[in-house]
C-alpha cells in the first residue's frame, strides 16, 4: 500500500471514529516525534496538538516507567469544557481525541483503544512494506573505482 493510501486509511478511521462518537470534536494521529500523521480537527491547530501530544507522551512514559506500570497505554486530561484523551497507536504513533464535556468516558475509552490498535496496525505495517526496496543500479558517482593496470616496477 502506498503511503498516500495508508494516510487515507488512517484519516478514514478518524472520520469513522468521529461519526461513531457524537461528542467527539476532533481526532488526530501524531508520531511520537510530534509530527502530524493525520487529523480531523476542525478549529484546532493540528501541529500544535501533535507537539503537545508528544510532550505529554514523554511525561506519561516516564511516569509509567518510574512507577513500574509498564509502557504507555493511554492518558486522559479533563478540562472545564471537555476531555483530551491519548491512546497508544502502535510503536511510533499516538491517537489524540478531543471531546465535549458530556462524553461517556467508558465509550470514549472503548472506541479510542480500538481505533488506536487499528491505526497502530496501519502505521506499524508501513515500514515493513518498504523496508526492503528492490536494489537499484548505482549511479556512476556511486560506483566503486575500477582498478586500472598496475604500475610497472623495475
C-alpha atoms as a PDB file:
ATOM      1  CA  UNK A   1       0.000   0.000   0.000  1.00  0.00           C
ATOM      2  CA  UNK A   2       1.355   3.431  -0.916  1.00  0.00           C
ATOM      3  CA  UNK A   3       1.955   5.975   1.870  1.00  0.00           C
ATOM      4  CA  UNK A   4      -0.855   8.140   0.443  1.00  0.00           C
ATOM      5  CA  UNK A   5      -3.274   5.210   0.619  1.00  0.00           C
ATOM      6  CA  UNK A   6      -2.136   4.458   4.169  1.00  0.00           C
ATOM      7  CA  UNK A   7      -2.720   8.097   5.184  1.00  0.00           C
ATOM      8  CA  UNK A   8      -6.183   7.902   3.631  1.00  0.00           C
ATOM      9  CA  UNK A   9      -6.918   4.723   5.624  1.00  0.00           C
ATOM     10  CA  UNK A  10      -5.852   6.452   8.857  1.00  0.00           C
ATOM     11  CA  UNK A  11      -7.949   9.515   8.026  1.00  0.00           C
ATOM     12  CA  UNK A  12     -10.936   7.270   7.235  1.00  0.00           C
ATOM     13  CA  UNK A  13     -10.518   5.646  10.664  1.00  0.00           C
ATOM     14  CA  UNK A  14     -10.505   9.082  12.324  1.00  0.00           C
ATOM     15  CA  UNK A  15     -13.663  10.107  10.459  1.00  0.00           C
ATOM     16  CA  UNK A  16     -15.372   6.802  11.341  1.00  0.00           C
ATOM     17  CA  UNK A  17     -14.467   7.390  14.973  1.00  0.00           C
ATOM     18  CA  UNK A  18     -15.882  10.928  14.919  1.00  0.00           C
ATOM     19  CA  UNK A  19     -19.080   9.695  13.298  1.00  0.00           C
ATOM     20  CA  UNK A  20     -19.490   6.995  15.978  1.00  0.00           C
ATOM     21  CA  UNK A  21     -18.938   9.302  18.964  1.00  0.00           C
ATOM     22  CA  UNK A  22     -21.136  12.387  18.516  1.00  0.00           C
ATOM     23  CA  UNK A  23     -19.430  14.331  21.326  1.00  0.00           C
ATOM     24  CA  UNK A  24     -16.005  13.821  19.776  1.00  0.00           C
ATOM     25  CA  UNK A  25     -14.959  17.194  18.376  1.00  0.00           C
ATOM     26  CA  UNK A  26     -11.578  16.253  16.922  1.00  0.00           C
ATOM     27  CA  UNK A  27      -9.182  13.386  16.281  1.00  0.00           C
ATOM     28  CA  UNK A  28      -5.505  13.433  15.438  1.00  0.00           C
ATOM     29  CA  UNK A  29      -2.704  10.923  14.936  1.00  0.00           C
ATOM     30  CA  UNK A  30       0.803  12.115  15.695  1.00  0.00           C
ATOM     31  CA  UNK A  31       4.138  10.405  15.520  1.00  0.00           C
ATOM     32  CA  UNK A  32       5.975  10.023  18.795  1.00  0.00           C
ATOM     33  CA  UNK A  33       8.239  12.770  17.438  1.00  0.00           C
ATOM     34  CA  UNK A  34       5.328  15.237  17.445  1.00  0.00           C
ATOM     35  CA  UNK A  35       4.659  15.373  13.704  1.00  0.00           C
ATOM     36  CA  UNK A  36       1.087  15.202  12.394  1.00  0.00           C
ATOM     37  CA  UNK A  37       0.348  11.973  10.527  1.00  0.00           C
ATOM     38  CA  UNK A  38      -3.402  12.562  10.006  1.00  0.00           C
ATOM     39  CA  UNK A  39      -6.054  14.778  11.532  1.00  0.00           C
ATOM     40  CA  UNK A  40      -9.728  15.645  11.576  1.00  0.00           C
ATOM     41  CA  UNK A  41      -9.631  18.616  13.943  1.00  0.00           C
ATOM     42  CA  UNK A  42     -11.846  21.497  12.841  1.00  0.00           C
ATOM     43  CA  UNK A  43     -10.954  24.745  14.580  1.00  0.00           C
ATOM     44  CA  UNK A  44      -7.783  23.364  16.194  1.00  0.00           C
ATOM     45  CA  UNK A  45      -4.161  23.735  15.050  1.00  0.00           C
ATOM     46  CA  UNK A  46      -3.118  20.113  14.405  1.00  0.00           C
ATOM     47  CA  UNK A  47       0.636  20.869  14.520  1.00  0.00           C
ATOM     48  CA  UNK A  48       0.311  22.384  17.982  1.00  0.00           C
ATOM     49  CA  UNK A  49      -1.803  19.498  19.298  1.00  0.00           C
ATOM     50  CA  UNK A  50       0.647  16.968  17.823  1.00  0.00           C
ATOM     51  CA  UNK A  51       3.607  18.669  19.509  1.00  0.00           C
ATOM     52  CA  UNK A  52       1.768  18.789  22.845  1.00  0.00           C
ATOM     53  CA  UNK A  53       0.757  15.140  22.416  1.00  0.00           C
ATOM     54  CA  UNK A  54       4.421  14.166  22.041  1.00  0.00           C
ATOM     55  CA  UNK A  55       5.333  16.180  25.146  1.00  0.00           C
ATOM     56  CA  UNK A  56       2.519  14.572  27.174  1.00  0.00           C
ATOM     57  CA  UNK A  57       3.563  11.157  25.874  1.00  0.00           C
ATOM     58  CA  UNK A  58       7.094  11.774  27.121  1.00  0.00           C
ATOM     59  CA  UNK A  59       5.893  12.650  30.623  1.00  0.00           C
ATOM     60  CA  UNK A  60       3.371   9.791  30.741  1.00  0.00           C
ATOM     61  CA  UNK A  61       6.001   7.289  29.586  1.00  0.00           C
ATOM     62  CA  UNK A  62       8.457   8.452  32.242  1.00  0.00           C
ATOM     63  CA  UNK A  63       5.713   8.206  34.887  1.00  0.00           C
ATOM     64  CA  UNK A  64       4.742   4.651  33.932  1.00  0.00           C
ATOM     65  CA  UNK A  65       8.381   3.562  33.842  1.00  0.00           C
ATOM     66  CA  UNK A  66       9.278   5.270  37.145  1.00  0.00           C
ATOM     67  CA  UNK A  67       6.362   3.632  38.924  1.00  0.00           C
ATOM     68  CA  UNK A  68       6.761   0.204  37.351  1.00  0.00           C
ATOM     69  CA  UNK A  69       3.467   0.394  35.462  1.00  0.00           C
ATOM     70  CA  UNK A  70       4.812  -0.763  32.087  1.00  0.00           C
ATOM     71  CA  UNK A  71       4.685   1.013  28.752  1.00  0.00           C
ATOM     72  CA  UNK A  72       2.368   3.843  27.763  1.00  0.00           C
ATOM     73  CA  UNK A  73      -1.242   2.852  27.140  1.00  0.00           C
ATOM     74  CA  UNK A  74      -3.424   5.933  27.460  1.00  0.00           C
ATOM     75  CA  UNK A  75      -3.772   9.335  29.056  1.00  0.00           C
ATOM     76  CA  UNK A  76      -6.935  11.284  29.949  1.00  0.00           C
ATOM     77  CA  UNK A  77      -6.989  15.001  30.748  1.00  0.00           C
ATOM     78  CA  UNK A  78     -10.231  16.661  31.865  1.00  0.00           C
ATOM     79  CA  UNK A  79     -10.784  20.344  31.329  1.00  0.00           C
ATOM     80  CA  UNK A  80     -13.716  22.593  32.227  1.00  0.00           C
ATOM     81  CA  UNK A  81     -15.346  22.043  28.846  1.00  0.00           C
ATOM     82  CA  UNK A  82     -14.215  18.594  27.778  1.00  0.00           C
ATOM     83  CA  UNK A  83     -11.519  15.950  27.690  1.00  0.00           C
ATOM     84  CA  UNK A  84      -8.354  15.207  25.775  1.00  0.00           C
ATOM     85  CA  UNK A  85      -7.589  11.507  25.569  1.00  0.00           C
ATOM     86  CA  UNK A  86      -4.463   9.988  24.047  1.00  0.00           C
ATOM     87  CA  UNK A  87      -4.020   6.312  23.201  1.00  0.00           C
ATOM     88  CA  UNK A  88      -1.016   4.336  22.015  1.00  0.00           C
ATOM     89  CA  UNK A  89      -1.272   3.651  18.286  1.00  0.00           C
ATOM     90  CA  UNK A  90       1.387   1.057  17.618  1.00  0.00           C
ATOM     91  CA  UNK A  91       5.066   1.602  18.294  1.00  0.00           C
ATOM     92  CA  UNK A  92       5.504   5.000  16.694  1.00  0.00           C
ATOM     93  CA  UNK A  93       2.243   6.943  16.940  1.00  0.00           C
ATOM     94  CA  UNK A  94      -0.360   8.304  19.333  1.00  0.00           C
ATOM     95  CA  UNK A  95      -4.083   8.881  18.764  1.00  0.00           C
ATOM     96  CA  UNK A  96      -5.413  12.032  20.454  1.00  0.00           C
ATOM     97  CA  UNK A  97      -9.150  12.644  20.789  1.00  0.00           C
ATOM     98  CA  UNK A  98     -10.830  15.924  21.739  1.00  0.00           C
ATOM     99  CA  UNK A  99     -14.275  15.678  23.346  1.00  0.00           C
ATOM    100  CA  UNK A 100     -17.135  17.758  24.655  1.00  0.00           C
ATOM    101  CA  UNK A 101     -17.723  17.704  28.415  1.00  0.00           C
ATOM    102  CA  UNK A 102     -20.726  15.333  28.359  1.00  0.00           C
ATOM    103  CA  UNK A 103     -18.828  12.450  26.713  1.00  0.00           C
ATOM    104  CA  UNK A 104     -19.370   8.932  28.046  1.00  0.00           C
ATOM    105  CA  UNK A 105     -15.788   8.194  29.157  1.00  0.00           C
ATOM    106  CA  UNK A 106     -16.317   4.419  29.034  1.00  0.00           C
ATOM    107  CA  UNK A 107     -17.444   4.658  25.395  1.00  0.00           C
ATOM    108  CA  UNK A 108     -14.549   7.033  24.670  1.00  0.00           C
ATOM    109  CA  UNK A 109     -12.027   4.554  26.095  1.00  0.00           C
ATOM    110  CA  UNK A 110     -13.600   1.601  24.277  1.00  0.00           C
ATOM    111  CA  UNK A 111     -13.572   3.349  20.898  1.00  0.00           C
ATOM    112  CA  UNK A 112     -10.227   5.091  21.480  1.00  0.00           C
ATOM    113  CA  UNK A 113      -8.453   1.843  22.357  1.00  0.00           C
ATOM    114  CA  UNK A 114      -9.982   0.049  19.376  1.00  0.00           C
ATOM    115  CA  UNK A 115      -9.103   2.868  16.976  1.00  0.00           C
ATOM    116  CA  UNK A 116      -5.590   3.171  18.434  1.00  0.00           C
ATOM    117  CA  UNK A 117      -4.991  -0.533  17.836  1.00  0.00           C
ATOM    118  CA  UNK A 118      -6.304  -0.319  14.252  1.00  0.00           C
ATOM    119  CA  UNK A 119      -4.282   2.802  13.433  1.00  0.00           C
ATOM    120  CA  UNK A 120      -1.208   1.226  15.018  1.00  0.00           C
ATOM    121  CA  UNK A 121      -1.600  -1.783  12.706  1.00  0.00           C
ATOM    122  CA  UNK A 122      -1.792   0.512   9.677  1.00  0.00           C
ATOM    123  CA  UNK A 123       1.203   2.615  10.678  1.00  0.00           C
ATOM    124  CA  UNK A 124       3.434  -0.166  12.009  1.00  0.00           C
ATOM    125  CA  UNK A 125       2.894  -2.248   8.867  1.00  0.00           C
ATOM    126  CA  UNK A 126       4.113   0.559   6.594  1.00  0.00           C
ATOM    127  CA  UNK A 127       7.879   0.255   7.277  1.00  0.00           C
ATOM    128  CA  UNK A 128       7.780  -3.494   6.663  1.00  0.00           C
ATOM    129  CA  UNK A 129       6.353  -2.871   3.231  1.00  0.00           C
ATOM    130  CA  UNK A 130       9.152  -0.517   2.276  1.00  0.00           C
ATOM    131  CA  UNK A 131      11.989  -1.849   4.436  1.00  0.00           C
ATOM    132  CA  UNK A 132      13.459  -3.991   1.654  1.00  0.00           C
ATOM    133  CA  UNK A 133      13.196  -2.000  -1.551  1.00  0.00           C
ATOM    134  CA  UNK A 134      14.398  -3.591  -4.735  1.00  0.00           C
ATOM    135  CA  UNK A 135      18.075  -2.849  -5.306  1.00  0.00           C
ATOM    136  CA  UNK A 136      18.758  -0.219  -7.885  1.00  0.00           C
ATOM    137  CA  UNK A 137      21.791   0.231 -10.040  1.00  0.00           C
ATOM    138  CA  UNK A 138      24.247   2.677  -8.505  1.00  0.00           C
ATOM    139  CA  UNK A 139      24.741   5.958 -10.257  1.00  0.00           C
ATOM    140  CA  UNK A 140      28.107   6.483 -11.939  1.00  0.00           C
ATOM    141  CA  UNK A 141      29.185   8.608  -8.951  1.00  0.00           C
ATOM    142  CA  UNK A 142      28.319   5.788  -6.527  1.00  0.00           C
ATOM    143  CA  UNK A 143      30.144   3.014  -8.400  1.00  0.00           C
ATOM    144  CA  UNK A 144      33.431   1.927  -6.894  1.00  0.00           C
ATOM    145  CA  UNK A 145      36.523   2.907  -8.858  1.00  0.00           C
ATOM    146  CA  UNK A 146      37.620   0.260 -11.317  1.00  0.00           C
ATOM    147  CA  UNK A 147      41.147  -0.952 -10.834  1.00  0.00           C
ATOM    148  CA  UNK A 148      43.433   0.153 -13.614  1.00  0.00           C
ATOM    149  CA  UNK A 149      46.604  -1.508 -14.738  1.00  0.00           C
ATOM    150  CA  UNK A 150      49.158  -1.906 -12.005  1.00  0.00           C
ATOM    151  CA  UNK A 151      52.124   0.423 -12.336  1.00  0.00           C
ATOM    152  CA  UNK A 152      55.246  -1.239 -13.625  1.00  0.00           C
ATOM    153  CA  UNK A 153      58.005  -1.541 -11.030  1.00  0.00           C
ATOM    154  CA  UNK A 154      61.592  -2.155 -12.028  1.00  0.00           C
END
